[in-house]
Amino acid sequence: MSDREKKIGLIIGREWSWPSAFITEVNKRDVGVIAEFVKLGGTFLEKPPQYDVIIDRMSQEIPYYRVFLKFAALNGAYIINNPFTWASDDKFFGEALALKLGMRTPRTVVLPNKRVETQVVPESFRNLEYPMNWRGIIDYVGVPAILKDAHTGGRRISHRVYDVDDLIQKYDESDTLTVIVQEIIESDEHVHCFVIGQEFCRAIRYAHEEEVYLHDDKSLDSDLVKTLQEESVRICKAYGYDINMVEYVVKDGVPYIINPTNPAPDMDINLLKPNHFSWCVSRMADVAIRLAKEPISQYRGWQSIE
């Protein structure tokens, strides 16, 4: 790859503002690195993709993209975010990791799947208790609680439950999803931390009811911001994620991590507001250009492959 112009590719979904702004930002810097949308029409085994860095915003929804990204990684591209890590990530593991790192988390239980996609015989479920101890689950997490998809990269389902019967009903509707039921930390203070390159972090207040980020007109306590930033960077370094959004609820000045990983956070300009949006575009350009010009391996075990 060293004999050609360095290239950054983007794999995206429906978003428009951030990808276009990012490509413009990289290309206008004129530093020997270009950015463009990846175009795919089938991936050939003996034709490695010619990208130094690929920013993945959509493989959590399109399985073919993840197959392609693993192939690109094998052939030397640096993937943001690591497709092997992302493919195995889930919210329950993230909460467990945060707890191991000494951070505060809500009480959380991951539930067996209501249904699985493959055809299996009843004996395949011999390891599962039946019936489940629904009362014990509710007593542990408390009510109201939140039942949500354990999948990372967005919210597919999210329901409040208020008693055992409510939990069972919502669980029965979960179909093949793996779901968690989690304690609700009641507070109006929500903060989302965007982390880029495992080093840059921006804490942004989030209006949960309106589902919109706020301007900096009401500043956060500086010690709290420092704690949130340090915790968020530690989580990203543990995962190896180069872009991530960590969600917190702050109650009585104490932060609780309610969602440790979102490897493809929504960065639309209308959602983020221009000041936050510009920061995300600029910092991501800094990181991606550096990785394109000074490549590092994500996969130590493959360094010996010729």
C-alpha atoms as a PDB file:
ATOM      1  CA  MET A   1       0.000   0.000   0.000  1.00  0.00           C
ATOM      2  CA  SER A   2       2.971   2.337   0.422  1.00  0.00           C
ATOM      3  CA  ASP A   3       3.384   3.003  -3.341  1.00  0.00           C
ATOM      4  CA  ARG A   4      -0.020   4.607  -3.805  1.00  0.00           C
ATOM      5  CA  GLU A   5      -2.048   7.443  -2.359  1.00  0.00           C
ATOM      6  CA  LYS A   6      -3.367   6.657   1.103  1.00  0.00           C
ATOM      7  CA  LYS A   7      -7.102   5.988   1.171  1.00  0.00           C
ATOM      8  CA  ILE A   8      -9.769   6.098   3.849  1.00  0.00           C
ATOM      9  CA  GLY A   9     -13.053   4.377   3.043  1.00  0.00           C
ATOM     10  CA  LEU A  10     -16.441   4.851   4.699  1.00  0.00           C
ATOM     11  CA  ILE A  11     -19.178   2.237   5.048  1.00  0.00           C
ATOM     12  CA  ILE A  12     -22.392   4.000   6.046  1.00  0.00           C
ATOM     13  CA  GLY A  13     -26.152   3.660   6.290  1.00  0.00           C
ATOM     14  CA  ARG A  14     -28.795   6.381   5.997  1.00  0.00           C
ATOM     15  CA  GLU A  15     -26.722   9.154   7.580  1.00  0.00           C
ATOM     16  CA  TRP A  16     -25.654  12.074   5.394  1.00  0.00           C
ATOM     17  CA  SER A  17     -24.242  15.005   7.336  1.00  0.00           C
ATOM     18  CA  TRP A  18     -21.341  13.386   9.169  1.00  0.00           C
ATOM     19  CA  PRO A  19     -19.952  11.208   6.311  1.00  0.00           C
ATOM     20  CA  SER A  20     -20.044  14.073   3.803  1.00  0.00           C
ATOM     21  CA  ALA A  21     -18.449  16.494   6.258  1.00  0.00           C
ATOM     22  CA  PHE A  22     -15.764  13.955   7.167  1.00  0.00           C
ATOM     23  CA  ILE A  23     -14.830  13.289   3.531  1.00  0.00           C
ATOM     24  CA  THR A  24     -14.687  17.023   2.839  1.00  0.00           C
ATOM     25  CA  GLU A  25     -12.532  17.625   5.931  1.00  0.00           C
ATOM     26  CA  VAL A  26     -10.001  14.915   5.037  1.00  0.00           C
ATOM     27  CA  ASN A  27      -9.718  15.852   1.368  1.00  0.00           C
ATOM     28  CA  LYS A  28      -9.380  19.602   1.953  1.00  0.00           C
ATOM     29  CA  ARG A  29      -6.360  19.089   4.216  1.00  0.00           C
ATOM     30  CA  ASP A  30      -4.322  17.984   1.193  1.00  0.00           C
ATOM     31  CA  VAL A  31      -1.931  15.767   3.179  1.00  0.00           C
ATOM     32  CA  GLY A  32      -1.625  12.863   0.759  1.00  0.00           C
ATOM     33  CA  VAL A  33      -4.692  11.060   2.104  1.00  0.00           C
ATOM     34  CA  ILE A  34      -8.096  10.895   0.411  1.00  0.00           C
ATOM     35  CA  ALA A  35     -11.441   9.777   1.810  1.00  0.00           C
ATOM     36  CA  GLU A  36     -14.340   8.271  -0.118  1.00  0.00           C
ATOM     37  CA  PHE A  37     -17.346   5.977   0.197  1.00  0.00           C
ATOM     38  CA  VAL A  38     -16.519   2.285  -0.176  1.00  0.00           C
ATOM     39  CA  LYS A  39     -18.337   0.710  -3.123  1.00  0.00           C
ATOM     40  CA  LEU A  40     -18.975  -3.045  -2.978  1.00  0.00           C
ATOM     41  CA  GLY A  41     -20.346  -5.430  -5.567  1.00  0.00           C
ATOM     42  CA  GLY A  42     -19.015  -8.749  -4.341  1.00  0.00           C
ATOM     43  CA  THR A  43     -15.633  -9.409  -2.750  1.00  0.00           C
ATOM     44  CA  PHE A  44     -13.113 -11.552  -4.636  1.00  0.00           C
ATOM     45  CA  LEU A  45     -10.758 -13.739  -2.619  1.00  0.00           C
ATOM     46  CA  GLU A  46      -7.622 -12.770  -4.559  1.00  0.00           C
ATOM     47  CA  LYS A  47      -8.388  -9.041  -4.856  1.00  0.00           C
ATOM     48  CA  PRO A  48      -7.632  -7.321  -1.535  1.00  0.00           C
ATOM     49  CA  PRO A  49      -9.402  -3.953  -1.074  1.00  0.00           C
ATOM     50  CA  GLN A  50      -7.101  -0.970  -1.582  1.00  0.00           C
ATOM     51  CA  TYR A  51      -7.799   0.939   1.620  1.00  0.00           C
ATOM     52  CA  ASP A  52      -5.475   1.850   4.444  1.00  0.00           C
ATOM     53  CA  VAL A  53      -8.295   2.709   6.848  1.00  0.00           C
ATOM     54  CA  ILE A  54     -12.000   1.835   6.715  1.00  0.00           C
ATOM     55  CA  ILE A  55     -14.514   3.491   9.028  1.00  0.00           C
ATOM     56  CA  ASP A  56     -17.417   1.121   9.617  1.00  0.00           C
ATOM     57  CA  ARG A  57     -20.781   2.644  10.488  1.00  0.00           C
ATOM     58  CA  MET A  58     -23.112  -0.096   9.275  1.00  0.00           C
ATOM     59  CA  SER A  59     -21.842  -3.682   9.597  1.00  0.00           C
ATOM     60  CA  GLN A  60     -23.997  -4.196  12.689  1.00  0.00           C
ATOM     61  CA  GLU A  61     -26.973  -4.173  10.300  1.00  0.00           C
ATOM     62  CA  ILE A  62     -25.532  -5.672   7.083  1.00  0.00           C
ATOM     63  CA  PRO A  63     -23.733  -9.022   7.689  1.00  0.00           C
ATOM     64  CA  TYR A  64     -21.933  -8.937   4.310  1.00  0.00           C
ATOM     65  CA  TYR A  65     -20.179  -5.721   5.324  1.00  0.00           C
ATOM     66  CA  ARG A  66     -18.661  -7.441   8.336  1.00  0.00           C
ATOM     67  CA  VAL A  67     -17.407 -10.350   6.212  1.00  0.00           C
ATOM     68  CA  PHE A  68     -15.791  -7.830   3.866  1.00  0.00           C
ATOM     69  CA  LEU A  69     -14.251  -5.881   6.748  1.00  0.00           C
ATOM     70  CA  LYS A  70     -12.621  -8.952   8.254  1.00  0.00           C
ATOM     71  CA  PHE A  71     -11.139  -9.723   4.829  1.00  0.00           C
ATOM     72  CA  ALA A  72      -9.900  -6.139   4.522  1.00  0.00           C
ATOM     73  CA  ALA A  73      -8.325  -6.363   7.983  1.00  0.00           C
ATOM     74  CA  LEU A  74      -6.535  -9.576   7.069  1.00  0.00           C
ATOM     75  CA  ASN A  75      -5.048  -7.756   4.091  1.00  0.00           C
ATOM     76  CA  GLY A  76      -3.713  -4.830   6.084  1.00  0.00           C
ATOM     77  CA  ALA A  77      -6.519  -2.282   6.373  1.00  0.00           C
ATOM     78  CA  TYR A  78      -7.097  -0.708   9.769  1.00  0.00           C
ATOM     79  CA  ILE A  79     -10.805  -0.992  10.609  1.00  0.00           C
ATOM     80  CA  ILE A  80     -12.631   1.528  12.791  1.00  0.00           C
ATOM     81  CA  ASN A  81     -14.038  -0.302  14.688  1.00  0.00           C
ATOM     82  CA  ASN A  82     -12.352  -3.710  14.894  1.00  0.00           C
ATOM     83  CA  PRO A  83     -14.948  -6.071  13.333  1.00  0.00           C
ATOM     84  CA  PHE A  84     -13.862  -9.053  15.425  1.00  0.00           C
ATOM     85  CA  THR A  85     -14.348  -7.138  18.672  1.00  0.00           C
ATOM     86  CA  TRP A  86     -17.600  -5.515  17.583  1.00  0.00           C
ATOM     87  CA  ALA A  87     -19.066  -8.810  16.403  1.00  0.00           C
ATOM     88  CA  SER A  88     -18.607 -10.331  19.865  1.00  0.00           C
ATOM     89  CA  ASP A  89     -19.638  -7.266  21.893  1.00  0.00           C
ATOM     90  CA  ASP A  90     -22.855  -6.942  23.877  1.00  0.00           C
ATOM     91  CA  LYS A  91     -24.252  -4.604  26.514  1.00  0.00           C
ATOM     92  CA  PHE A  92     -24.105  -7.171  29.312  1.00  0.00           C
ATOM     93  CA  PHE A  93     -20.391  -7.780  28.744  1.00  0.00           C
ATOM     94  CA  GLY A  94     -19.864  -4.017  28.633  1.00  0.00           C
ATOM     95  CA  GLU A  95     -21.541  -3.556  32.010  1.00  0.00           C
ATOM     96  CA  ALA A  96     -19.502  -6.444  33.434  1.00  0.00           C
ATOM     97  CA  LEU A  97     -16.292  -4.880  32.088  1.00  0.00           C
ATOM     98  CA  ALA A  98     -17.174  -1.486  33.573  1.00  0.00           C
ATOM     99  CA  LEU A  99     -17.818  -3.167  36.921  1.00  0.00           C
ATOM    100  CA  LYS A 100     -14.450  -4.942  36.724  1.00  0.00           C
ATOM    101  CA  LEU A 101     -12.825  -1.568  36.041  1.00  0.00           C
ATOM    102  CA  GLY A 102     -14.304  -0.215  39.267  1.00  0.00           C
ATOM    103  CA  MET A 103     -17.079   1.882  37.707  1.00  0.00           C
ATOM    104  CA  ARG A 104     -20.680   2.185  38.871  1.00  0.00           C
ATOM    105  CA  THR A 105     -23.309   0.311  36.874  1.00  0.00           C
ATOM    106  CA  PRO A 106     -27.031  -0.404  37.295  1.00  0.00           C
ATOM    107  CA  ARG A 107     -28.010  -3.882  38.456  1.00  0.00           C
ATOM    108  CA  THR A 108     -28.400  -5.925  35.273  1.00  0.00           C
ATOM    109  CA  VAL A 109     -29.568  -9.433  34.283  1.00  0.00           C
ATOM    110  CA  VAL A 110     -29.203 -11.022  30.834  1.00  0.00           C
ATOM    111  CA  LEU A 111     -32.042 -13.400  29.954  1.00  0.00           C
ATOM    112  CA  PRO A 112     -32.082 -16.614  27.908  1.00  0.00           C
ATOM    113  CA  ASN A 113     -33.527 -16.186  24.421  1.00  0.00           C
ATOM    114  CA  LYS A 114     -37.278 -16.607  24.212  1.00  0.00           C
ATOM    115  CA  ARG A 115     -36.793 -18.282  20.827  1.00  0.00           C
ATOM    116  CA  VAL A 116     -33.800 -19.251  18.682  1.00  0.00           C
ATOM    117  CA  GLU A 117     -33.591 -19.091  14.901  1.00  0.00           C
ATOM    118  CA  THR A 118     -32.259 -22.614  14.366  1.00  0.00           C
ATOM    119  CA  GLN A 119     -34.247 -25.815  14.662  1.00  0.00           C
ATOM    120  CA  VAL A 120     -33.317 -27.473  17.942  1.00  0.00           C
ATOM    121  CA  VAL A 121     -34.774 -30.309  19.972  1.00  0.00           C
ATOM    122  CA  PRO A 122     -36.009 -29.763  23.548  1.00  0.00           C
ATOM    123  CA  GLU A 123     -32.934 -31.538  24.930  1.00  0.00           C
ATOM    124  CA  SER A 124     -30.799 -28.665  23.652  1.00  0.00           C
ATOM    125  CA  PHE A 125     -32.164 -26.526  26.487  1.00  0.00           C
ATOM    126  CA  ARG A 126     -31.202 -28.862  29.337  1.00  0.00           C
ATOM    127  CA  ASN A 127     -28.912 -26.236  30.867  1.00  0.00           C
ATOM    128  CA  LEU A 128     -31.757 -23.738  31.295  1.00  0.00           C
ATOM    129  CA  GLU A 129     -33.871 -23.526  34.427  1.00  0.00           C
ATOM    130  CA  TYR A 130     -37.617 -23.723  33.877  1.00  0.00           C
ATOM    131  CA  PRO A 131     -39.555 -21.839  34.939  1.00  0.00           C
ATOM    132  CA  MET A 132     -37.226 -18.901  35.408  1.00  0.00           C
ATOM    133  CA  ASN A 133     -37.207 -17.135  38.758  1.00  0.00           C
ATOM    134  CA  TRP A 134     -39.002 -14.029  37.533  1.00  0.00           C
ATOM    135  CA  ARG A 135     -39.662 -12.778  41.065  1.00  0.00           C
ATOM    136  CA  GLY A 136     -35.975 -13.090  41.911  1.00  0.00           C
ATOM    137  CA  ILE A 137     -35.042 -11.075  38.807  1.00  0.00           C
ATOM    138  CA  ILE A 138     -37.468  -8.275  39.685  1.00  0.00           C
ATOM    139  CA  ASP A 139     -36.369  -8.249  43.323  1.00  0.00           C
ATOM    140  CA  TYR A 140     -32.748  -7.871  42.191  1.00  0.00           C
ATOM    141  CA  VAL A 141     -33.117  -5.056  39.641  1.00  0.00           C
ATOM    142  CA  GLY A 142     -36.151  -3.327  41.167  1.00  0.00           C
ATOM    143  CA  VAL A 143     -39.066  -1.693  39.347  1.00  0.00           C
ATOM    144  CA  PRO A 144     -39.610   0.107  37.183  1.00  0.00           C
ATOM    145  CA  ALA A 145     -36.844  -1.528  35.173  1.00  0.00           C
ATOM    146  CA  ILE A 146     -35.825  -1.359  31.542  1.00  0.00           C
ATOM    147  CA  LEU A 147     -35.836  -4.358  29.209  1.00  0.00           C
ATOM    148  CA  LYS A 148     -33.642  -3.793  26.153  1.00  0.00           C
ATOM    149  CA  ASP A 149     -31.730  -5.475  23.389  1.00  0.00           C
ATOM    150  CA  ALA A 150     -28.256  -6.674  24.403  1.00  0.00           C
ATOM    151  CA  HIS A 151     -27.072  -5.918  20.865  1.00  0.00           C
ATOM    152  CA  THR A 152     -24.586  -3.022  20.590  1.00  0.00           C
ATOM    153  CA  GLY A 153     -24.752  -0.175  18.099  1.00  0.00           C
ATOM    154  CA  GLY A 154     -28.256   1.118  18.724  1.00  0.00           C
ATOM    155  CA  ARG A 155     -31.600   0.471  20.411  1.00  0.00           C
ATOM    156  CA  ARG A 156     -33.722  -2.163  18.714  1.00  0.00           C
ATOM    157  CA  ILE A 157     -36.156  -2.553  21.588  1.00  0.00           C
ATOM    158  CA  SER A 158     -36.454  -0.710  24.869  1.00  0.00           C
ATOM    159  CA  HIS A 159     -39.411  -1.152  27.237  1.00  0.00           C
ATOM    160  CA  ARG A 160     -40.142  -0.156  30.798  1.00  0.00           C
ATOM    161  CA  VAL A 161     -41.503  -2.947  32.973  1.00  0.00           C
ATOM    162  CA  TYR A 162     -43.367  -2.391  36.217  1.00  0.00           C
ATOM    163  CA  ASP A 163     -43.950  -5.846  37.702  1.00  0.00           C
ATOM    164  CA  VAL A 164     -43.393  -9.550  37.105  1.00  0.00           C
ATOM    165  CA  ASP A 165     -46.327  -9.932  34.704  1.00  0.00           C
ATOM    166  CA  ASP A 166     -45.146  -6.941  32.681  1.00  0.00           C
ATOM    167  CA  LEU A 167     -41.625  -8.362  32.475  1.00  0.00           C
ATOM    168  CA  ILE A 168     -42.884 -11.748  31.294  1.00  0.00           C
ATOM    169  CA  GLN A 169     -45.093 -10.150  28.633  1.00  0.00           C
ATOM    170  CA  LYS A 170     -42.287  -7.992  27.240  1.00  0.00           C
ATOM    171  CA  TYR A 171     -39.896 -10.944  27.371  1.00  0.00           C
ATOM    172  CA  ASP A 172     -42.376 -13.088  25.412  1.00  0.00           C
ATOM    173  CA  GLU A 173     -42.380 -10.395  22.703  1.00  0.00           C
ATOM    174  CA  SER A 174     -38.568 -10.373  22.394  1.00  0.00           C
ATOM    175  CA  ASP A 175     -38.608 -13.274  19.896  1.00  0.00           C
ATOM    176  CA  THR A 176     -35.016 -14.260  18.961  1.00  0.00           C
ATOM    177  CA  LEU A 177     -33.301 -11.226  20.492  1.00  0.00           C
ATOM    178  CA  THR A 178     -31.016 -11.561  23.481  1.00  0.00           C
ATOM    179  CA  VAL A 179     -32.281  -9.072  26.048  1.00  0.00           C
ATOM    180  CA  ILE A 180     -31.209  -7.625  29.358  1.00  0.00           C
ATOM    181  CA  VAL A 181     -33.342  -6.260  32.167  1.00  0.00           C
ATOM    182  CA  GLN A 182     -31.702  -3.395  34.010  1.00  0.00           C
ATOM    183  CA  GLU A 183     -32.243  -1.191  37.022  1.00  0.00           C
ATOM    184  CA  ILE A 184     -33.399   2.330  36.166  1.00  0.00           C
ATOM    185  CA  ILE A 185     -31.374   5.089  37.828  1.00  0.00           C
ATOM    186  CA  GLU A 186     -33.961   7.837  38.043  1.00  0.00           C
ATOM    187  CA  SER A 187     -32.375  11.161  37.085  1.00  0.00           C
ATOM    188  CA  ASP A 188     -32.834  13.956  34.577  1.00  0.00           C
ATOM    189  CA  GLU A 189     -29.062  14.338  34.139  1.00  0.00           C
ATOM    190  CA  HIS A 190     -27.871  12.276  31.170  1.00  0.00           C
ATOM    191  CA  VAL A 191     -24.392  12.664  29.717  1.00  0.00           C
ATOM    192  CA  HIS A 192     -23.010  11.008  26.596  1.00  0.00           C
ATOM    193  CA  CYS A 193     -19.262  10.780  26.133  1.00  0.00           C
ATOM    194  CA  PHE A 194     -17.962  10.570  22.579  1.00  0.00           C
ATOM    195  CA  VAL A 195     -14.495   8.998  22.465  1.00  0.00           C
ATOM    196  CA  ILE A 196     -12.368   9.108  19.311  1.00  0.00           C
ATOM    197  CA  GLY A 197      -8.996   7.473  18.803  1.00  0.00           C
ATOM    198  CA  GLN A 198      -8.965   6.099  22.368  1.00  0.00           C
ATOM    199  CA  GLU A 199      -7.743   9.545  23.489  1.00  0.00           C
ATOM    200  CA  PHE A 200     -10.103  12.408  22.567  1.00  0.00           C
ATOM    201  CA  CYS A 201     -13.268  12.597  24.659  1.00  0.00           C
ATOM    202  CA  ARG A 202     -16.168  15.069  24.669  1.00  0.00           C
ATOM    203  CA  ALA A 203     -18.861  14.935  27.373  1.00  0.00           C
ATOM    204  CA  ILE A 204     -22.212  16.232  26.100  1.00  0.00           C
ATOM    205  CA  ARG A 205     -25.396  16.740  28.074  1.00  0.00           C
ATOM    206  CA  TYR A 206     -28.360  14.861  26.610  1.00  0.00           C
ATOM    207  CA  ALA A 207     -32.039  15.702  26.995  1.00  0.00           C
ATOM    208  CA  HIS A 208     -33.455  12.209  27.331  1.00  0.00           C
ATOM    209  CA  GLU A 209     -37.123  13.058  26.869  1.00  0.00           C
ATOM    210  CA  GLU A 210     -36.524  15.231  23.789  1.00  0.00           C
ATOM    211  CA  GLU A 211     -33.778  12.887  22.499  1.00  0.00           C
ATOM    212  CA  VAL A 212     -31.466  15.744  21.586  1.00  0.00           C
ATOM    213  CA  TYR A 213     -28.037  16.983  22.676  1.00  0.00           C
ATOM    214  CA  LEU A 214     -27.729  20.320  24.439  1.00  0.00           C
ATOM    215  CA  HIS A 215     -25.517  23.343  23.884  1.00  0.00           C
ATOM    216  CA  ASP A 216     -22.878  24.242  26.461  1.00  0.00           C
ATOM    217  CA  ASP A 217     -25.134  26.836  28.120  1.00  0.00           C
ATOM    218  CA  LYS A 218     -25.272  24.790  31.322  1.00  0.00           C
ATOM    219  CA  SER A 219     -21.783  23.627  32.148  1.00  0.00           C
ATOM    220  CA  LEU A 220     -21.084  20.343  33.877  1.00  0.00           C
ATOM    221  CA  ASP A 221     -18.998  20.202  37.031  1.00  0.00           C
ATOM    222  CA  SER A 222     -15.350  20.055  35.975  1.00  0.00           C
ATOM    223  CA  ASP A 223     -14.472  17.195  38.347  1.00  0.00           C
ATOM    224  CA  LEU A 224     -17.429  15.201  37.049  1.00  0.00           C
ATOM    225  CA  VAL A 225     -16.393  15.809  33.433  1.00  0.00           C
ATOM    226  CA  LYS A 226     -12.868  14.636  34.236  1.00  0.00           C
ATOM    227  CA  THR A 227     -14.219  11.438  35.808  1.00  0.00           C
ATOM    228  CA  LEU A 228     -16.533  10.745  32.872  1.00  0.00           C
ATOM    229  CA  GLN A 229     -13.783  11.321  30.338  1.00  0.00           C
ATOM    230  CA  GLU A 230     -11.284   9.137  32.165  1.00  0.00           C
ATOM    231  CA  GLU A 231     -13.779   6.299  32.569  1.00  0.00           C
ATOM    232  CA  SER A 232     -14.894   6.493  28.939  1.00  0.00           C
ATOM    233  CA  VAL A 233     -11.327   6.410  27.592  1.00  0.00           C
ATOM    234  CA  ARG A 234     -10.502   3.430  29.831  1.00  0.00           C
ATOM    235  CA  ILE A 235     -13.470   1.509  28.423  1.00  0.00           C
ATOM    236  CA  CYS A 236     -12.467   2.290  24.839  1.00  0.00           C
ATOM    237  CA  LYS A 237      -8.865   1.250  25.440  1.00  0.00           C
ATOM    238  CA  ALA A 238     -10.054  -2.017  26.983  1.00  0.00           C
ATOM    239  CA  TYR A 239     -12.108  -2.740  23.854  1.00  0.00           C
ATOM    240  CA  GLY A 240      -9.704  -1.190  21.356  1.00  0.00           C
ATOM    241  CA  TYR A 241     -12.535   0.933  19.944  1.00  0.00           C
ATOM    242  CA  ASP A 242     -11.444   4.038  18.016  1.00  0.00           C
ATOM    243  CA  ILE A 243     -14.906   5.535  18.029  1.00  0.00           C
ATOM    244  CA  ASN A 244     -17.450   4.925  20.743  1.00  0.00           C
ATOM    245  CA  MET A 245     -20.142   6.630  22.772  1.00  0.00           C
ATOM    246  CA  VAL A 246     -20.578   5.848  26.473  1.00  0.00           C
ATOM    247  CA  GLU A 247     -23.894   6.741  28.112  1.00  0.00           C
ATOM    248  CA  TYR A 248     -24.165   7.886  31.734  1.00  0.00           C
ATOM    249  CA  VAL A 249     -26.891   8.831  34.153  1.00  0.00           C
ATOM    250  CA  VAL A 250     -25.739  11.162  36.926  1.00  0.00           C
ATOM    251  CA  LYS A 251     -27.636  10.975  40.215  1.00  0.00           C
ATOM    252  CA  ASP A 252     -26.638  13.144  43.194  1.00  0.00           C
ATOM    253  CA  GLY A 253     -23.328  13.849  41.461  1.00  0.00           C
ATOM    254  CA  VAL A 254     -22.549  10.127  41.012  1.00  0.00           C
ATOM    255  CA  PRO A 255     -22.226   8.763  37.437  1.00  0.00           C
ATOM    256  CA  TYR A 256     -23.635   5.365  36.451  1.00  0.00           C
ATOM    257  CA  ILE A 257     -22.779   3.735  33.119  1.00  0.00           C
ATOM    258  CA  ILE A 258     -26.034   2.647  31.494  1.00  0.00           C
ATOM    259  CA  ASN A 259     -24.581   1.805  28.073  1.00  0.00           C
ATOM    260  CA  PRO A 260     -20.805   1.234  27.839  1.00  0.00           C
ATOM    261  CA  THR A 261     -20.543   0.865  24.064  1.00  0.00           C
ATOM    262  CA  ASN A 262     -22.126   2.292  20.971  1.00  0.00           C
ATOM    263  CA  PRO A 263     -19.477   1.759  18.268  1.00  0.00           C
ATOM    264  CA  ALA A 264     -21.549   3.614  15.646  1.00  0.00           C
ATOM    265  CA  PRO A 265     -23.079   6.563  17.511  1.00  0.00           C
ATOM    266  CA  ASP A 266     -25.471   8.895  15.732  1.00  0.00           C
ATOM    267  CA  MET A 267     -23.503  12.027  14.783  1.00  0.00           C
ATOM    268  CA  ASP A 268     -26.044  13.904  12.686  1.00  0.00           C
ATOM    269  CA  ILE A 269     -25.544  17.675  12.817  1.00  0.00           C
ATOM    270  CA  ASN A 270     -29.175  18.295  13.770  1.00  0.00           C
ATOM    271  CA  LEU A 271     -28.873  15.942  16.723  1.00  0.00           C
ATOM    272  CA  LEU A 272     -25.407  16.951  17.937  1.00  0.00           C
ATOM    273  CA  LYS A 273     -25.552  20.715  17.326  1.00  0.00           C
ATOM    274  CA  PRO A 274     -22.838  22.398  15.199  1.00  0.00           C
ATOM    275  CA  ASN A 275     -20.176  22.785  17.895  1.00  0.00           C
ATOM    276  CA  HIS A 276     -20.239  19.118  18.905  1.00  0.00           C
ATOM    277  CA  PHE A 277     -20.615  17.998  15.299  1.00  0.00           C
ATOM    278  CA  SER A 278     -17.529  19.935  14.176  1.00  0.00           C
ATOM    279  CA  TRP A 279     -15.511  18.421  17.003  1.00  0.00           C
ATOM    280  CA  CYS A 280     -16.490  14.866  15.971  1.00  0.00           C
ATOM    281  CA  VAL A 281     -15.630  15.534  12.318  1.00  0.00           C
ATOM    282  CA  SER A 282     -12.270  17.149  13.062  1.00  0.00           C
ATOM    283  CA  ARG A 283     -11.085  14.633  15.663  1.00  0.00           C
ATOM    284  CA  MET A 284     -12.087  11.654  13.498  1.00  0.00           C
ATOM    285  CA  ALA A 285     -10.190  13.165  10.562  1.00  0.00           C
ATOM    286  CA  ASP A 286      -7.119  13.599  12.791  1.00  0.00           C
ATOM    287  CA  VAL A 287      -7.208   9.963  13.902  1.00  0.00           C
ATOM    288  CA  ALA A 288      -8.018   8.400  10.529  1.00  0.00           C
ATOM    289  CA  ILE A 289      -5.325  10.383   8.687  1.00  0.00           C
ATOM    290  CA  ARG A 290      -2.731   9.446  11.287  1.00  0.00           C
ATOM    291  CA  LEU A 291      -3.632   5.749  11.031  1.00  0.00           C
ATOM    292  CA  ALA A 292      -3.486   5.903   7.224  1.00  0.00           C
ATOM    293  CA  LYS A 293      -0.034   7.517   7.211  1.00  0.00           C
ATOM    294  CA  GLU A 294       1.407   5.651  10.204  1.00  0.00           C
ATOM    295  CA  PRO A 295      -0.250   2.208  10.072  1.00  0.00           C
ATOM    296  CA  ILE A 296      -0.371  -0.048  13.104  1.00  0.00           C
ATOM    297  CA  SER A 297      -1.569  -3.625  13.317  1.00  0.00           C
ATOM    298  CA  GLN A 298      -4.820  -4.472  15.029  1.00  0.00           C
ATOM    299  CA  TYR A 299      -4.022  -8.191  14.897  1.00  0.00           C
ATOM    300  CA  ARG A 300      -0.758  -9.322  16.456  1.00  0.00           C
ATOM    301  CA  GLY A 301      -1.265 -12.942  15.456  1.00  0.00           C
ATOM    302  CA  TRP A 302      -1.239 -12.086  11.750  1.00  0.00           C
ATOM    303  CA  GLN A 303       2.006 -10.120  11.651  1.00  0.00           C
ATOM    304  CA  SER A 304       3.981 -13.221  10.633  1.00  0.00           C
ATOM    305  CA  ILE A 305       1.744 -13.979   7.632  1.00  0.00           C
ATOM    306  CA  GLU A 306       3.556 -13.327   4.362  1.00  0.00           C
END
